[in-house]
Amino acid sequence: MVVNVDSQGNIALAKNLVFYDRSKHVDIQYHFTRDLVKKQRIYLEYIPTKDMLADLLTKTLPHVQHEQLWHRFILVVSTYTRLVARGCVGNMFRRTD
C-alpha cells in the first residue's frame, strides 16, 4: 500500500532505522509506521504539499487550491465507486459486524 506523505523528513525518519537524539521523543505511531515500512507492508511516497488531497479535509485552503483538490477528490471517489461496482476491488467501507 502506498501512503502519500508531504514531509521528506518524516519519510527519512521512517526509513532510517537508526535512532538519533533528536528523534527520541517520536510518538509510538511513528514507530508503528517504521515497522510497517521495514516489513514492506506500506511504501511512503513523497507528494508536494500543494497536491496533498487530505488537506482538503483537514486545512483551510485558498479558494483555487480548494477547487483543484476538490475536483481530484471527486475523481478518486467516482473511480473507486466504479471499481467496487465492477468487483475489481473490495469495498473498504462495508461493515463486517
Protein backbone atom coordinates (compact mmCIF):
# COMPACT_ATOMS: atom_id res chain seq x y z
CA MET A 1 0.00 0.00 0.00
CA VAL A 2 1.28 3.43 -0.91
CA VAL A 3 0.96 6.19 1.68
CA ASN A 4 1.39 9.75 0.39
CA VAL A 5 3.46 11.95 2.70
CA ASP A 6 4.27 15.65 2.26
CA SER A 7 7.25 15.64 4.62
CA GLN A 8 10.53 14.30 3.31
CA GLY A 9 11.89 14.43 6.87
CA ASN A 10 9.21 12.04 8.06
CA ILE A 11 9.94 9.67 5.19
CA ALA A 12 13.65 9.69 6.06
CA LEU A 13 12.88 9.07 9.73
CA ALA A 14 10.61 6.13 8.89
CA LYS A 15 13.11 4.53 6.50
CA ASN A 16 16.24 5.04 8.61
CA LEU A 17 16.19 2.52 11.43
CA VAL A 18 18.89 4.36 13.39
CA PHE A 19 17.68 6.42 16.35
CA TYR A 20 19.08 9.90 16.85
CA ASP A 21 18.99 12.07 19.96
CA ARG A 22 16.59 14.45 18.20
CA SER A 23 14.15 11.63 17.43
CA LYS A 24 13.91 10.20 20.95
CA HIS A 25 10.61 11.99 21.50
CA VAL A 26 8.99 10.39 18.45
CA ASP A 27 5.47 9.18 19.18
CA ILE A 28 4.55 5.48 19.18
CA GLN A 29 2.60 5.91 15.93
CA TYR A 30 5.87 6.66 14.12
CA HIS A 31 7.45 3.51 15.48
CA PHE A 32 4.42 1.61 14.17
CA THR A 33 4.86 3.27 10.76
CA ARG A 34 8.57 2.49 10.77
CA ASP A 35 7.77 -1.15 11.50
CA LEU A 36 5.30 -1.31 8.59
CA VAL A 37 7.91 0.22 6.25
CA LYS A 38 10.52 -2.27 7.45
CA LYS A 39 8.11 -5.18 6.84
CA GLN A 40 7.30 -3.70 3.41
CA ARG A 41 3.57 -3.53 4.18
CA ILE A 42 3.47 0.15 3.26
CA TYR A 43 5.52 2.32 0.95
CA LEU A 44 5.92 6.02 1.76
CA GLU A 45 5.81 8.24 -1.29
CA TYR A 46 6.57 11.95 -1.26
CA ILE A 47 3.88 14.22 -2.63
CA PRO A 48 4.22 18.02 -2.62
CA THR A 49 2.10 19.83 -0.04
CA LYS A 50 0.12 21.64 -2.74
CA ASP A 51 -1.01 18.25 -4.11
CA MET A 52 -1.91 16.62 -0.76
CA LEU A 53 -5.52 15.51 -1.19
CA ALA A 54 -6.01 15.01 2.56
CA ASP A 55 -5.51 18.76 3.09
CA LEU A 56 -8.93 19.27 1.53
CA LEU A 57 -10.46 17.71 4.64
CA THR A 58 -8.01 18.97 7.25
CA LYS A 59 -6.99 22.55 6.40
CA THR A 60 -8.37 25.89 5.38
CA LEU A 61 -7.13 26.37 1.83
CA PRO A 62 -7.07 29.22 -0.67
CA HIS A 63 -10.10 29.02 -2.98
CA VAL A 64 -8.13 27.99 -6.07
CA GLN A 65 -6.28 25.17 -4.28
CA HIS A 66 -9.54 24.03 -2.65
CA GLU A 67 -11.23 23.81 -6.07
CA GLN A 68 -8.31 21.90 -7.61
CA LEU A 69 -8.18 19.37 -4.78
CA TRP A 70 -11.98 19.05 -4.72
CA HIS A 71 -12.06 18.05 -8.41
CA ARG A 72 -9.29 15.49 -7.82
CA PHE A 73 -11.17 14.14 -4.77
CA ILE A 74 -14.37 13.67 -6.80
CA LEU A 75 -12.37 11.87 -9.48
CA VAL A 76 -10.83 9.49 -6.93
CA VAL A 77 -14.17 8.73 -5.26
CA SER A 78 -16.00 8.14 -8.54
CA THR A 79 -13.22 5.89 -9.84
CA TYR A 80 -13.21 3.89 -6.60
CA THR A 81 -17.01 3.56 -6.71
CA ARG A 82 -16.87 2.21 -10.29
CA LEU A 83 -14.16 -0.30 -9.36
CA VAL A 84 -16.21 -1.57 -6.40
CA ALA A 85 -19.30 -1.91 -8.61
CA ARG A 86 -17.31 -3.99 -11.10
CA GLY A 87 -15.88 -6.16 -8.32
CA CYS A 88 -12.32 -5.12 -9.11
CA VAL A 89 -11.62 -4.03 -5.52
CA GLY A 90 -13.20 -4.78 -2.18
CA ASN A 91 -15.43 -2.20 -0.55
CA MET A 92 -13.34 -0.86 2.32
CA PHE A 93 -16.40 0.89 3.75
CA ARG A 94 -18.51 -2.27 4.10
CA ARG A 95 -19.35 -3.17 7.67
CA THR A 96 -18.19 -6.62 8.73
CA ASP A 97 -20.08 -6.96 12.02
